[in-house]
Protein backbone atom coordinates (compact mmCIF):
# COMPACT_ATOMS: atom_id res chain seq x y z
CA MET A 1 -36.34 -22.22 -130.94
CA ARG A 2 -33.50 -21.79 -133.58
CA ARG A 3 -32.04 -19.44 -131.23
CA VAL A 4 -32.07 -21.93 -128.35
CA LEU A 5 -30.69 -24.36 -130.72
CA ALA A 6 -27.98 -22.00 -131.59
CA GLN A 7 -26.87 -21.29 -128.22
CA CYS A 8 -26.72 -24.94 -127.32
CA ALA A 9 -24.63 -25.57 -130.37
CA ALA A 10 -22.35 -22.79 -129.45
CA LEU A 11 -22.13 -23.95 -125.85
CA ALA A 12 -21.29 -27.90 -126.62
CA ALA A 13 -18.50 -26.21 -129.38
CA LEU A 14 -17.26 -24.16 -126.53
CA ILE A 15 -17.29 -27.44 -124.38
CA LEU A 16 -15.25 -29.27 -126.68
CA VAL A 17 -12.97 -26.66 -127.39
CA VAL A 18 -12.18 -26.15 -123.51
CA PHE A 19 -11.88 -29.68 -123.21
CA CYS A 20 -9.56 -30.38 -126.01
CA LYS A 21 -7.13 -27.52 -124.66
CA GLN A 22 -7.13 -29.34 -121.39
CA GLN A 23 -6.39 -32.41 -122.90
CA GLU A 24 -3.41 -30.78 -124.84
CA SER A 25 -1.88 -29.11 -121.92
CA SER A 26 -2.17 -32.19 -119.90
CA ALA A 27 -0.09 -33.97 -122.81
CA GLU A 28 2.31 -31.16 -123.01
CA ASN A 29 2.76 -31.39 -119.41
CA LEU A 30 3.58 -34.79 -119.07
CA ASN A 31 5.99 -34.45 -121.94
CA ALA A 32 8.24 -32.38 -119.78
CA LEU A 33 9.23 -35.49 -117.97
CA LYS A 34 10.51 -37.86 -120.57
CA GLY A 35 13.69 -39.88 -121.12
CA ARG A 36 15.60 -43.02 -119.65
CA TYR A 37 17.66 -42.06 -116.62
CA ALA A 38 20.18 -43.84 -114.59
CA PHE A 39 19.32 -44.10 -110.85
CA THR A 40 20.59 -44.70 -107.73
CA LEU A 41 18.57 -45.64 -104.34
CA ALA A 42 19.20 -45.44 -100.88
CA GLU A 43 16.27 -46.75 -98.21
CA LYS A 44 15.58 -47.22 -94.63
CA CYS A 45 12.35 -49.60 -93.86
CA VAL A 46 10.70 -50.85 -90.75
CA HIS A 47 8.76 -54.21 -92.00
CA GLN A 48 6.35 -56.16 -89.96
CA LEU A 49 7.24 -59.44 -88.78
CA SER A 50 3.40 -61.17 -89.06
CA PHE A 51 1.99 -62.25 -92.24
CA ASN A 52 -1.79 -61.57 -93.47
CA VAL A 53 -2.82 -59.32 -90.67
CA PRO A 54 -2.50 -55.30 -90.44
CA GLY A 55 1.14 -53.83 -89.38
CA PHE A 56 0.73 -50.39 -88.80
CA ASN A 57 -2.44 -48.18 -88.18
CA ALA A 58 -3.43 -44.96 -90.17
CA ASN A 59 -0.81 -42.89 -87.86
CA LEU A 60 2.00 -45.04 -88.88
CA GLN A 61 2.31 -46.72 -85.55
CA LEU A 62 2.99 -50.17 -85.36
CA ILE A 63 0.44 -52.47 -84.33
CA ASP A 64 2.13 -55.80 -85.25
CA PRO A 65 1.62 -58.04 -82.14
CA VAL A 66 5.10 -59.92 -82.95
CA GLY A 67 6.96 -56.64 -83.95
CA ALA A 68 9.03 -55.49 -86.68
CA GLU A 69 12.54 -55.50 -88.26
CA THR A 70 14.57 -52.43 -89.50
CA TYR A 71 17.06 -52.46 -92.48
CA SER A 72 18.70 -50.48 -94.88
CA GLY A 73 19.16 -50.81 -98.97
CA ALA A 74 20.33 -49.51 -101.86
CA SER A 75 18.86 -50.15 -105.40
CA ASP A 76 20.49 -49.21 -108.71
CA GLY A 77 19.29 -49.60 -112.51
CA PHE A 78 17.46 -47.76 -115.37
CA MET A 79 14.04 -45.40 -114.83
CA SER A 80 12.35 -44.22 -117.76
CA PHE A 81 9.18 -41.76 -118.61
CA ASP A 82 7.19 -42.10 -121.85
CA GLY A 83 5.96 -38.65 -121.98
CA GLU A 84 2.61 -40.02 -121.70
CA GLY A 85 2.06 -40.81 -117.79
CA GLU A 86 4.00 -44.11 -118.15
CA PHE A 87 7.13 -44.94 -116.17
CA THR A 88 9.17 -48.27 -115.83
CA VAL A 89 12.46 -49.46 -114.05
CA GLU A 90 14.50 -51.79 -116.03
CA GLN A 91 17.93 -53.64 -114.95
CA GLY A 92 17.40 -52.93 -111.32
CA ARG A 93 19.21 -54.21 -108.64
CA ALA A 94 18.37 -54.41 -104.69
CA THR A 95 20.00 -55.28 -101.72
CA ASN A 96 19.42 -54.72 -98.04
CA ILE A 97 21.92 -55.21 -94.67
CA MET A 98 19.56 -56.23 -91.56
CA ASN A 99 20.23 -53.74 -88.61
CA ALA A 100 19.37 -56.46 -86.07
CA ASP A 101 21.70 -59.23 -84.66
CA ASN A 102 19.06 -61.81 -84.00
CA ARG A 103 17.19 -62.93 -87.16
CA LEU A 104 14.10 -65.24 -86.98
CA ILE A 105 15.86 -68.07 -88.49
CA GLN A 106 19.15 -69.02 -87.22
CA PRO A 107 21.51 -70.16 -87.79
CA ILE A 108 19.82 -70.43 -91.18
CA ILE A 109 20.27 -66.92 -91.50
CA THR A 110 23.55 -65.62 -90.15
CA PRO A 111 23.55 -62.32 -87.87
CA ILE A 112 22.98 -58.97 -90.08
CA PRO A 113 22.89 -60.92 -93.64
CA LEU A 114 23.28 -59.09 -96.81
CA GLY A 115 20.17 -59.15 -98.97
CA PHE A 116 17.60 -60.97 -96.39
CA GLY A 117 20.30 -63.66 -96.82
CA LEU A 118 19.14 -64.42 -100.10
CA GLY A 119 22.38 -63.14 -101.75
CA GLU A 120 24.31 -59.94 -103.09
CA ALA A 121 21.46 -58.65 -105.30
CA ILE A 122 18.14 -59.16 -106.33
CA ALA A 123 16.84 -58.33 -109.54
CA PHE A 124 14.04 -56.35 -110.21
CA THR A 125 11.61 -54.09 -112.39
CA CYS A 126 8.83 -51.60 -111.97
CA HIS A 127 6.09 -49.82 -113.39
CA GLY A 128 3.11 -47.52 -112.77
CA PRO A 129 1.68 -44.22 -113.40
CA TYR A 130 3.35 -40.76 -113.18
CA ALA A 131 1.81 -37.05 -113.12
CA LEU A 132 2.88 -33.52 -113.08
CA ASP A 133 0.83 -30.92 -111.43
CA ALA A 134 2.49 -27.61 -111.23
CA GLY A 135 6.00 -28.93 -111.54
CA LYS A 136 5.44 -31.80 -108.86
CA ILE A 137 6.48 -35.31 -109.68
CA THR A 138 4.21 -38.11 -108.56
CA ILE A 139 4.72 -41.70 -108.95
CA LYS A 140 3.12 -44.48 -107.82
CA ALA A 141 5.24 -47.39 -108.44
CA THR A 142 4.70 -51.47 -108.24
CA CYS A 143 7.90 -53.24 -108.73
CA ASP A 144 8.65 -56.82 -109.02
CA ALA A 145 11.63 -58.77 -107.77
CA THR A 146 12.63 -62.17 -108.54
CA VAL A 147 14.49 -64.50 -106.14
CA PRO A 148 16.63 -67.44 -107.38
CA LEU A 149 15.77 -70.83 -105.83
CA PRO A 150 16.80 -72.47 -103.52
CA ASN A 151 16.82 -70.38 -100.89
CA VAL A 152 15.95 -70.39 -97.26
CA PHE A 153 12.68 -69.13 -97.67
CA ASN A 154 11.38 -71.18 -100.75
CA ALA A 155 10.55 -67.83 -101.98
CA THR A 156 10.22 -67.02 -105.82
CA GLY A 157 9.79 -63.28 -105.49
CA PHE A 158 8.31 -60.43 -104.02
CA GLU A 159 5.98 -57.28 -104.95
CA SER A 160 6.32 -54.10 -103.46
CA GLN A 161 4.15 -50.69 -103.84
CA PHE A 162 5.16 -47.27 -102.87
CA ILE A 163 4.98 -43.63 -104.02
CA LEU A 164 7.79 -41.36 -105.13
CA GLU A 165 7.78 -37.49 -105.20
CA GLY A 166 9.71 -34.61 -106.16
CA PHE A 167 9.67 -31.31 -108.36
CA LEU A 168 10.84 -30.98 -112.00
CA PRO A 169 14.00 -28.74 -112.03
CA GLN A 170 15.14 -26.21 -115.11
CA ASN A 171 18.01 -28.66 -115.80
CA ARG A 172 16.39 -32.22 -116.80
CA GLY A 173 19.63 -34.20 -116.79
CA HIS A 174 19.25 -34.55 -113.18
CA LEU A 175 16.41 -35.36 -110.82
CA VAL A 176 16.14 -36.02 -107.14
CA LEU A 177 12.85 -38.16 -106.16
CA THR A 178 12.08 -38.75 -102.35
CA ASP A 179 9.64 -41.10 -100.48
CA ILE A 180 8.75 -39.98 -96.96
CA GLY A 181 7.00 -43.05 -95.76
CA LYS A 182 3.74 -42.41 -97.52
CA PRO A 183 1.28 -44.89 -97.37
CA VAL A 184 -0.26 -46.61 -100.85
CA SER A 185 -4.12 -45.91 -100.63
CA PRO A 186 -6.06 -48.12 -99.43
CA ASN A 187 -3.38 -49.46 -97.26
CA THR A 188 -2.24 -48.00 -94.02
CA ALA A 189 1.41 -48.52 -95.25
CA GLN A 190 3.18 -49.75 -97.95
CA PRO A 191 2.25 -53.07 -99.23
CA VAL A 192 4.62 -56.46 -99.93
CA THR A 193 3.40 -59.50 -101.34
CA ILE A 194 5.97 -62.31 -101.18
CA PHE A 195 5.39 -65.24 -103.47
CA PHE A 196 6.28 -68.85 -102.91
CA ALA A 197 7.24 -71.93 -105.11
CA GLY A 198 4.18 -73.81 -106.02
CA THR A 199 1.32 -74.22 -108.45
CA PRO A 200 -0.65 -71.68 -108.15
CA PRO A 201 2.27 -69.78 -106.36
CA PRO A 202 0.87 -69.43 -102.74
CA SER A 203 1.54 -65.85 -101.29
CA VAL A 204 1.57 -64.02 -98.08
CA ARG A 205 0.98 -60.17 -97.61
CA GLN A 206 3.07 -57.98 -95.29
CA GLN A 207 3.21 -53.96 -94.70
CA ARG A 208 6.32 -51.83 -94.25
CA ILE A 209 7.15 -48.06 -93.78
CA CYS A 210 10.46 -46.85 -95.92
CA THR A 211 12.35 -43.54 -96.63
CA ARG A 212 13.69 -43.65 -99.68
CA ALA A 213 15.81 -41.15 -101.84
CA VAL A 214 16.62 -41.35 -105.38
CA THR A 215 19.01 -39.21 -108.15
CA LEU A 216 18.84 -39.98 -111.61
CA ASP A 217 20.91 -38.90 -114.62
CA LEU A 218 19.24 -38.26 -117.67
CA VAL A 219 21.12 -41.19 -120.21
CA SER A 220 18.73 -40.59 -123.28
CA GLY A 221 15.95 -38.30 -123.91
CA GLU A 222 13.94 -40.56 -125.86
């Protein structure tokens, strides 16, 4: 009986050692990406027109009966990685240029407006987890944008979700990340929520598919 107990104790100790080693390895792995980076982002999006209905199927085909619009965009700001699996974006600025010459609300919004007709740039922040696996970076981003009132939509802000991926280079001072239109589970595309003025603030849901290219340069290692 004592022999069985001793074997069980040894097995438990071994399991504990393996678990601790795994935790230590994971912490060291995440610490390989740490610091504050200045970034620029370029994007191209297909954005459904209807509210609160699916916009795309699992094959990324447009199923919104009203259709979709396309636009290009640019963003910049600071992206930080804490070395423990959390990332943030601060001082973000974003704008878009619509490709269509027949926007939904004319003449309130002029053809091919800058920034959805909401101004030169929209302030935004982001947060979410990041992971490292054999040098591959995966970031699950949730971004929140603030829209100044008054505006033609009476919107106060947006929330969007997307996934950025890349690989750790030998030179940590410069990173490249991409988004190839990967859906954000459990959605069939990338979700967007638009908030409007009110108490509580009403909102509508949409979907879009975007491709993004992000370049980052290290500003601080802490």
